[in-house]
C-alpha atoms as a PDB file:
ATOM      1  CA  MET A   1      17.275  -6.966  -5.980  1.00  0.00           C
ATOM      2  CA  ALA A   2      17.215  -8.999  -2.716  1.00  0.00           C
ATOM      3  CA  THR A   3      16.153  -7.515   0.349  1.00  0.00           C
ATOM      4  CA  PRO A   4      18.533  -6.895   3.175  1.00  0.00           C
ATOM      5  CA  SER A   5      18.969  -9.878   5.476  1.00  0.00           C
ATOM      6  CA  GLU A   6      20.066  -7.776   8.552  1.00  0.00           C
ATOM      7  CA  PRO A   7      17.483  -5.749  10.546  1.00  0.00           C
ATOM      8  CA  ILE A   8      16.405  -2.489   9.209  1.00  0.00           C
ATOM      9  CA  PRO A   9      17.274   0.437  11.054  1.00  0.00           C
ATOM     10  CA  ARG A  10      15.047   3.139  11.847  1.00  0.00           C
ATOM     11  CA  PRO A  11      16.161   6.547  10.077  1.00  0.00           C
ATOM     12  CA  LYS A  12      17.499   9.302  12.016  1.00  0.00           C
ATOM     13  CA  PRO A  13      15.608  12.555  10.848  1.00  0.00           C
ATOM     14  CA  SER A  14      17.203  15.753   9.981  1.00  0.00           C
ATOM     15  CA  ALA A  15      14.841  18.763   9.468  1.00  0.00           C
ATOM     16  CA  ARG A  16      17.568  20.885   8.623  1.00  0.00           C
ATOM     17  CA  ALA A  17      19.123  18.382   5.923  1.00  0.00           C
ATOM     18  CA  GLU A  18      15.662  17.974   4.576  1.00  0.00           C
ATOM     19  CA  LEU A  19      15.053  21.665   4.070  1.00  0.00           C
ATOM     20  CA  ARG A  20      18.560  21.837   2.543  1.00  0.00           C
ATOM     21  CA  GLY A  21      17.312  18.985   0.195  1.00  0.00           C
ATOM     22  CA  VAL A  22      14.142  20.841  -1.079  1.00  0.00           C
ATOM     23  CA  GLY A  23      16.332  23.830  -1.861  1.00  0.00           C
ATOM     24  CA  ARG A  24      19.041  21.558  -3.783  1.00  0.00           C
ATOM     25  CA  GLY A  25      16.363  19.895  -5.854  1.00  0.00           C
ATOM     26  CA  LEU A  26      14.725  23.367  -6.823  1.00  0.00           C
ATOM     27  CA  ILE A  27      18.242  24.609  -7.990  1.00  0.00           C
ATOM     28  CA  THR A  28      18.475  21.573 -10.155  1.00  0.00           C
ATOM     29  CA  LEU A  29      15.177  22.104 -12.104  1.00  0.00           C
ATOM     30  CA  PRO A  30      16.734  24.353 -14.831  1.00  0.00           C
ATOM     31  CA  THR A  31      18.980  21.915 -15.835  1.00  0.00           C
ATOM     32  CA  LEU A  32      15.903  20.023 -17.347  1.00  0.00           C
ATOM     33  CA  ALA A  33      16.024  22.119 -20.153  1.00  0.00           C
ATOM     34  CA  ARG A  34      19.358  20.437 -21.171  1.00  0.00           C
ATOM     35  CA  GLY A  35      18.257  17.392 -22.865  1.00  0.00           C
ATOM     36  CA  TRP A  36      14.491  18.298 -22.870  1.00  0.00           C
ATOM     37  CA  SER A  37      13.972  17.162 -26.265  1.00  0.00           C
ATOM     38  CA  GLU A  38      15.343  13.831 -25.497  1.00  0.00           C
ATOM     39  CA  LEU A  39      12.834  13.197 -22.559  1.00  0.00           C
ATOM     40  CA  PRO A  40       9.979  10.759 -23.776  1.00  0.00           C
ATOM     41  CA  ARG A  41       6.628  12.330 -24.353  1.00  0.00           C
ATOM     42  CA  GLY A  42       3.231  11.613 -22.702  1.00  0.00           C
ATOM     43  CA  GLU A  43       1.195  11.789 -25.769  1.00  0.00           C
ATOM     44  CA  GLY A  44      -1.701  12.389 -23.525  1.00  0.00           C
ATOM     45  CA  ARG A  45      -1.460   9.357 -21.160  1.00  0.00           C
ATOM     46  CA  PRO A  46      -3.076   9.958 -17.790  1.00  0.00           C
ATOM     47  CA  VAL A  47      -1.018   9.945 -14.461  1.00  0.00           C
ATOM     48  CA  LEU A  48      -2.291  10.086 -11.066  1.00  0.00           C
ATOM     49  CA  VAL A  49       0.170  11.499  -8.410  1.00  0.00           C
ATOM     50  CA  LEU A  50      -0.162  10.566  -4.757  1.00  0.00           C
ATOM     51  CA  PRO A  51       1.329  12.825  -2.050  1.00  0.00           C
ATOM     52  CA  GLY A  52       3.285  11.628   1.123  1.00  0.00           C
ATOM     53  CA  PHE A  53       2.454  11.481   4.702  1.00  0.00           C
ATOM     54  CA  MET A  54       0.958  14.770   6.128  1.00  0.00           C
ATOM     55  CA  THR A  55       1.363  16.526   2.687  1.00  0.00           C
ATOM     56  CA  SER A  56      -1.321  17.328  -0.092  1.00  0.00           C
ATOM     57  CA  ASP A  57      -1.285  17.965  -3.678  1.00  0.00           C
ATOM     58  CA  ARG A  58       0.663  21.238  -3.083  1.00  0.00           C
ATOM     59  CA  SER A  59       3.504  19.007  -2.538  1.00  0.00           C
ATOM     60  CA  THR A  60       3.454  17.369  -5.924  1.00  0.00           C
ATOM     61  CA  VAL A  61       2.801  20.701  -8.033  1.00  0.00           C
ATOM     62  CA  VAL A  62       6.371  20.579  -9.503  1.00  0.00           C
ATOM     63  CA  LEU A  63       6.067  16.765 -10.241  1.00  0.00           C
ATOM     64  CA  ARG A  64       2.651  17.198 -12.088  1.00  0.00           C
ATOM     65  CA  ALA A  65       3.807  20.450 -14.001  1.00  0.00           C
ATOM     66  CA  PHE A  66       6.473  18.680 -15.250  1.00  0.00           C
ATOM     67  CA  LEU A  67       4.606  15.760 -16.427  1.00  0.00           C
ATOM     68  CA  SER A  68       2.132  18.069 -17.955  1.00  0.00           C
ATOM     69  CA  ARG A  69       4.729  19.873 -19.994  1.00  0.00           C
ATOM     70  CA  LEU A  70       5.843  16.580 -21.240  1.00  0.00           C
ATOM     71  CA  GLY A  71       2.266  15.791 -22.547  1.00  0.00           C
ATOM     72  CA  TYR A  72       0.707  13.505 -19.868  1.00  0.00           C
ATOM     73  CA  ARG A  73      -2.588  14.338 -18.331  1.00  0.00           C
ATOM     74  CA  ALA A  74      -1.265  14.658 -14.689  1.00  0.00           C
ATOM     75  CA  TYR A  75      -3.915  14.725 -12.071  1.00  0.00           C
ATOM     76  CA  GLY A  76      -3.423  15.170  -8.113  1.00  0.00           C
ATOM     77  CA  TRP A  77      -5.440  12.966  -5.807  1.00  0.00           C
ATOM     78  CA  GLY A  78      -7.742  15.690  -4.726  1.00  0.00           C
ATOM     79  CA  LEU A  79      -8.161  14.430  -1.124  1.00  0.00           C
ATOM     80  CA  GLY A  80      -6.390  17.105   0.807  1.00  0.00           C
ATOM     81  CA  ARG A  81      -3.870  15.958   3.504  1.00  0.00           C
ATOM     82  CA  ASN A  82      -2.530  12.492   3.368  1.00  0.00           C
ATOM     83  CA  HIS A  83      -3.200  11.803   6.916  1.00  0.00           C
ATOM     84  CA  GLY A  84      -1.604   8.283   6.783  1.00  0.00           C
ATOM     85  CA  GLN A  85      -4.510   5.889   7.240  1.00  0.00           C
ATOM     86  CA  VAL A  86      -4.145   3.853   4.049  1.00  0.00           C
ATOM     87  CA  GLY A  87      -7.305   1.663   4.760  1.00  0.00           C
ATOM     88  CA  GLU A  88      -9.318   4.869   4.838  1.00  0.00           C
ATOM     89  CA  LEU A  89      -7.635   6.621   1.824  1.00  0.00           C
ATOM     90  CA  LEU A  90      -7.597   3.434  -0.605  1.00  0.00           C
ATOM     91  CA  PRO A  91     -11.603   3.383  -1.230  1.00  0.00           C
ATOM     92  CA  PRO A  92     -11.674   6.967  -2.589  1.00  0.00           C
ATOM     93  CA  VAL A  93      -8.325   6.732  -4.334  1.00  0.00           C
ATOM     94  CA  LEU A  94      -9.864   3.505  -6.099  1.00  0.00           C
ATOM     95  CA  ALA A  95     -12.830   5.468  -7.032  1.00  0.00           C
ATOM     96  CA  ARG A  96     -10.808   8.281  -8.693  1.00  0.00           C
ATOM     97  CA  LEU A  97      -8.516   5.750 -10.447  1.00  0.00           C
ATOM     98  CA  GLU A  98     -11.672   3.997 -11.829  1.00  0.00           C
ATOM     99  CA  ALA A  99     -13.035   7.557 -12.902  1.00  0.00           C
ATOM    100  CA  LEU A 100     -10.040   8.590 -14.496  1.00  0.00           C
ATOM    101  CA  ALA A 101      -9.529   5.225 -16.320  1.00  0.00           C
ATOM    102  CA  GLU A 102     -12.953   5.127 -17.781  1.00  0.00           C
ATOM    103  CA  ARG A 103     -12.568   9.083 -18.858  1.00  0.00           C
ATOM    104  CA  HIS A 104      -9.334   8.237 -20.809  1.00  0.00           C
ATOM    105  CA  GLY A 105     -10.161   4.964 -21.873  1.00  0.00           C
ATOM    106  CA  GLN A 106      -6.768   3.535 -20.653  1.00  0.00           C
ATOM    107  CA  PRO A 107      -4.861   2.442 -17.586  1.00  0.00           C
ATOM    108  CA  LEU A 108      -2.989   5.043 -15.580  1.00  0.00           C
ATOM    109  CA  GLY A 109       0.350   5.407 -14.503  1.00  0.00           C
ATOM    110  CA  LEU A 110       0.716   5.809 -10.555  1.00  0.00           C
ATOM    111  CA  VAL A 111       3.258   7.863  -9.157  1.00  0.00           C
ATOM    112  CA  GLY A 112       3.693   7.920  -5.244  1.00  0.00           C
ATOM    113  CA  TRP A 113       5.793   9.924  -2.993  1.00  0.00           C
ATOM    114  CA  SER A 114       6.698   8.258   0.348  1.00  0.00           C
ATOM    115  CA  LEU A 115       3.472   7.035   1.942  1.00  0.00           C
ATOM    116  CA  GLY A 116       1.816   7.958  -1.536  1.00  0.00           C
ATOM    117  CA  GLY A 117       3.617   4.945  -3.111  1.00  0.00           C
ATOM    118  CA  VAL A 118       2.130   2.729  -0.485  1.00  0.00           C
ATOM    119  CA  ILE A 119      -1.313   3.964  -1.824  1.00  0.00           C
ATOM    120  CA  ALA A 120      -0.173   3.293  -5.155  1.00  0.00           C
ATOM    121  CA  ARG A 121       0.953   0.036  -4.947  1.00  0.00           C
ATOM    122  CA  GLU A 122      -2.332  -0.989  -3.142  1.00  0.00           C
ATOM    123  CA  SER A 123      -4.219   0.424  -5.710  1.00  0.00           C
ATOM    124  CA  ALA A 124      -2.351  -1.586  -8.466  1.00  0.00           C
ATOM    125  CA  ARG A 125      -2.724  -4.696  -6.210  1.00  0.00           C
ATOM    126  CA  ALA A 126      -6.636  -4.214  -6.248  1.00  0.00           C
ATOM    127  CA  GLN A 127      -7.378  -2.668  -9.437  1.00  0.00           C
ATOM    128  CA  PRO A 128      -4.374  -3.714 -11.972  1.00  0.00           C
ATOM    129  CA  GLY A 129      -6.399  -3.705 -14.876  1.00  0.00           C
ATOM    130  CA  ARG A 130      -6.624   0.195 -14.377  1.00  0.00           C
ATOM    131  CA  VAL A 131      -3.049   0.732 -13.709  1.00  0.00           C
ATOM    132  CA  ALA A 132      -0.074   0.621 -16.372  1.00  0.00           C
ATOM    133  CA  ARG A 133       2.882   1.226 -13.890  1.00  0.00           C
ATOM    134  CA  VAL A 134       3.513   2.113 -10.457  1.00  0.00           C
ATOM    135  CA  VAL A 135       6.467   4.627  -9.758  1.00  0.00           C
ATOM    136  CA  THR A 136       7.443   4.717  -5.995  1.00  0.00           C
ATOM    137  CA  MET A 137       9.818   7.593  -4.802  1.00  0.00           C
ATOM    138  CA  GLY A 138      11.243   6.738  -1.183  1.00  0.00           C
ATOM    139  CA  THR A 139       8.282   4.554  -0.176  1.00  0.00           C
ATOM    140  CA  PRO A 140       8.048   2.366   2.806  1.00  0.00           C
ATOM    141  CA  VAL A 141       7.432  -0.918   1.251  1.00  0.00           C
ATOM    142  CA  VAL A 142       8.416  -2.848   4.252  1.00  0.00           C
ATOM    143  CA  GLY A 143       7.046  -2.408   7.827  1.00  0.00           C
ATOM    144  CA  GLY A 144       4.756   0.336   7.447  1.00  0.00           C
ATOM    145  CA  PRO A 145       5.764   3.384   9.503  1.00  0.00           C
ATOM    146  CA  LYS A 146       8.114   1.234  11.716  1.00  0.00           C
ATOM    147  CA  TYR A 147      11.121   2.204   9.672  1.00  0.00           C
ATOM    148  CA  THR A 148      10.055   5.733   9.029  1.00  0.00           C
ATOM    149  CA  ALA A 149      10.727   9.224  10.601  1.00  0.00           C
ATOM    150  CA  ALA A 150       6.908   8.929  11.395  1.00  0.00           C
ATOM    151  CA  ALA A 151       7.081   5.957  13.690  1.00  0.00           C
ATOM    152  CA  ALA A 152       7.201   7.893  16.739  1.00  0.00           C
ATOM    153  CA  ARG A 153       3.991   9.766  15.687  1.00  0.00           C
ATOM    154  CA  TYR A 154       2.059   6.473  15.073  1.00  0.00           C
ATOM    155  CA  GLU A 155       3.193   5.249  18.378  1.00  0.00           C
ATOM    156  CA  GLN A 156       2.008   8.356  20.153  1.00  0.00           C
ATOM    157  CA  ARG A 157      -1.336   7.501  18.614  1.00  0.00           C
ATOM    158  CA  GLY A 158      -1.229   4.045  20.293  1.00  0.00           C
ATOM    159  CA  ALA A 159      -0.404   2.203  16.926  1.00  0.00           C
ATOM    160  CA  ASP A 160       1.341  -1.220  17.448  1.00  0.00           C
ATOM    161  CA  LEU A 161       4.081  -1.052  15.071  1.00  0.00           C
ATOM    162  CA  ASP A 162       5.020  -4.592  14.929  1.00  0.00           C
ATOM    163  CA  ALA A 163       1.333  -5.716  14.319  1.00  0.00           C
ATOM    164  CA  LEU A 164       1.424  -2.937  11.299  1.00  0.00           C
ATOM    165  CA  GLU A 165       4.662  -4.573  10.270  1.00  0.00           C
ATOM    166  CA  ARG A 166       3.143  -8.014  10.237  1.00  0.00           C
ATOM    167  CA  HIS A 167       0.106  -6.689   8.507  1.00  0.00           C
ATOM    168  CA  VAL A 168       2.109  -5.260   5.790  1.00  0.00           C
ATOM    169  CA  ALA A 169       3.906  -8.548   5.242  1.00  0.00           C
ATOM    170  CA  GLU A 170       0.701 -10.141   4.558  1.00  0.00           C
ATOM    171  CA  ARG A 171      -0.261  -7.694   2.107  1.00  0.00           C
ATOM    172  CA  ASN A 172       3.234  -7.999   0.298  1.00  0.00           C
ATOM    173  CA  ALA A 173       2.782 -11.759   0.205  1.00  0.00           C
ATOM    174  CA  VAL A 174       0.022 -11.040  -2.744  1.00  0.00           C
ATOM    175  CA  PRO A 175       1.951 -10.231  -5.954  1.00  0.00           C
ATOM    176  CA  ILE A 176       1.266  -6.702  -7.829  1.00  0.00           C
ATOM    177  CA  PRO A 177       0.862  -7.948 -11.416  1.00  0.00           C
ATOM    178  CA  VAL A 178       1.976  -4.444 -12.776  1.00  0.00           C
ATOM    179  CA  PRO A 179       5.552  -3.067 -13.495  1.00  0.00           C
ATOM    180  CA  ILE A 180       6.937  -1.125 -10.669  1.00  0.00           C
ATOM    181  CA  THR A 181       9.760   1.268 -10.638  1.00  0.00           C
ATOM    182  CA  CYS A 182      11.330   1.874  -7.179  1.00  0.00           C
ATOM    183  CA  ILE A 183      13.227   5.144  -6.728  1.00  0.00           C
ATOM    184  CA  TYR A 184      15.365   5.139  -3.297  1.00  0.00           C
ATOM    185  CA  SER A 185      18.097   6.992  -1.801  1.00  0.00           C
ATOM    186  CA  LYS A 186      20.454   5.630   0.873  1.00  0.00           C
ATOM    187  CA  ARG A 187      20.685   9.623   1.864  1.00  0.00           C
ATOM    188  CA  ASP A 188      17.157   9.104   2.930  1.00  0.00           C
ATOM    189  CA  ALA A 189      16.664  10.276   6.483  1.00  0.00           C
ATOM    190  CA  VAL A 190      12.909   9.829   6.514  1.00  0.00           C
ATOM    191  CA  VAL A 191      12.322   6.413   5.067  1.00  0.00           C
ATOM    192  CA  SER A 192      15.031   3.622   5.553  1.00  0.00           C
ATOM    193  CA  TRP A 193      16.235   3.025   2.201  1.00  0.00           C
ATOM    194  CA  GLN A 194      16.040  -0.829   2.904  1.00  0.00           C
ATOM    195  CA  ALA A 195      12.576  -0.525   3.511  1.00  0.00           C
ATOM    196  CA  CYS A 196      11.829   0.544   0.069  1.00  0.00           C
ATOM    197  CA  LEU A 197      13.060  -2.863  -1.385  1.00  0.00           C
ATOM    198  CA  ASP A 198      10.201  -4.874  -2.629  1.00  0.00           C
ATOM    199  CA  PRO A 199       9.954  -8.398  -0.598  1.00  0.00           C
ATOM    200  CA  ASN A 200       8.181 -10.062  -2.997  1.00  0.00           C
ATOM    201  CA  PRO A 201      10.215 -11.910  -6.062  1.00  0.00           C
ATOM    202  CA  ALA A 202       7.044 -12.336  -8.189  1.00  0.00           C
ATOM    203  CA  ASN A 203       7.080  -8.571  -8.556  1.00  0.00           C
ATOM    204  CA  ALA A 204       8.598  -7.070 -11.547  1.00  0.00           C
ATOM    205  CA  VAL A 205      10.411  -4.165 -10.041  1.00  0.00           C
ATOM    206  CA  ASP A 206      13.235  -1.792 -11.561  1.00  0.00           C
ATOM    207  CA  TYR A 207      15.085  -0.217  -8.683  1.00  0.00           C
ATOM    208  CA  VAL A 208      16.885   3.022  -9.440  1.00  0.00           C
ATOM    209  CA  GLU A 209      19.205   4.638  -6.622  1.00  0.00           C
ATOM    210  CA  VAL A 210      19.403   8.312  -6.541  1.00  0.00           C
ATOM    211  CA  ASP A 211      21.415  10.606  -4.109  1.00  0.00           C
ATOM    212  CA  ARG A 212      18.901  12.755  -3.032  1.00  0.00           C
ATOM    213  CA  GLU A 213      17.269  13.635   0.711  1.00  0.00           C
ATOM    214  CA  HIS A 214      13.886  12.421   0.848  1.00  0.00           C
ATOM    215  CA  ALA A 215      12.246  15.842   0.684  1.00  0.00           C
ATOM    216  CA  GLU A 216      14.103  16.496  -2.417  1.00  0.00           C
ATOM    217  CA  LEU A 217      12.526  13.546  -4.434  1.00  0.00           C
ATOM    218  CA  GLY A 218       9.781  15.409  -5.668  1.00  0.00           C
ATOM    219  CA  PHE A 219      11.760  18.600  -7.067  1.00  0.00           C
ATOM    220  CA  SER A 220      15.090  17.049  -8.191  1.00  0.00           C
ATOM    221  CA  ALA A 221      15.676  16.913 -11.902  1.00  0.00           C
ATOM    222  CA  GLU A 222      17.665  13.566 -11.641  1.00  0.00           C
ATOM    223  CA  VAL A 223      14.382  12.044 -10.039  1.00  0.00           C
ATOM    224  CA  LEU A 224      11.945  13.797 -12.623  1.00  0.00           C
ATOM    225  CA  ARG A 225      13.991  12.404 -15.489  1.00  0.00           C
ATOM    226  CA  VAL A 226      13.835   8.966 -14.068  1.00  0.00           C
ATOM    227  CA  VAL A 227       9.886   9.196 -13.374  1.00  0.00           C
ATOM    228  CA  ALA A 228       9.541  10.333 -16.914  1.00  0.00           C
ATOM    229  CA  GLN A 229      11.567   7.601 -18.537  1.00  0.00           C
ATOM    230  CA  SER A 230       9.595   4.947 -16.054  1.00  0.00           C
ATOM    231  CA  LEU A 231       6.376   5.983 -17.043  1.00  0.00           C
ATOM    232  CA  ALA A 232       7.269   6.096 -20.747  1.00  0.00           C
ATOM    233  CA  ARG A 233       7.795   2.043 -20.566  1.00  0.00           C
ATOM    234  CA  SER A 234       4.059   1.707 -19.567  1.00  0.00           C
END
């Protein structure tokens, strides 16, 4: 998929819409029972799930429980709240990735929600031999926080969003030699969907568009099915 040639707009967040999205996502979960037998099984394969900005492992409980029921060994990242400083968070994530890969004797699937997907991508870029596949959900691949609802918060902290965008572009110029599934939604009011598209044509990316709010991505039956199907191709 080609990245958009037009300027990427900054999203207009709606707390009400996002809260409604969580409810809608939870309501869909019982539908997973239909077709459950057709979902691919994890067969004990390990998966590390990374939460989004200002969230913790609590936000990924449903996703990890779903993967565990399918037979995956699903792990949280164990680092508390994601404060958004990728450079600080990456080393402990890489250490956890290394430990889990050695424990299981095989590479892991990485699933990252929003900013967690950025860390998943950087982990795969740094240690591709320990990663079987990356699955991102509403992840800002382009621009760092510039095209997200968190942009204003970063600016208040004194961040130079243009400089961050250039730094991210330099990182993205380095290919990720691991297959990637990118789940995005044009209804996302937290991360501009255009910013979710991978700018590096050398990366092997499968794009899956869903019709969900950002906060719904980790709870929606539709998205959970995509995650399961993607990990099964690892």
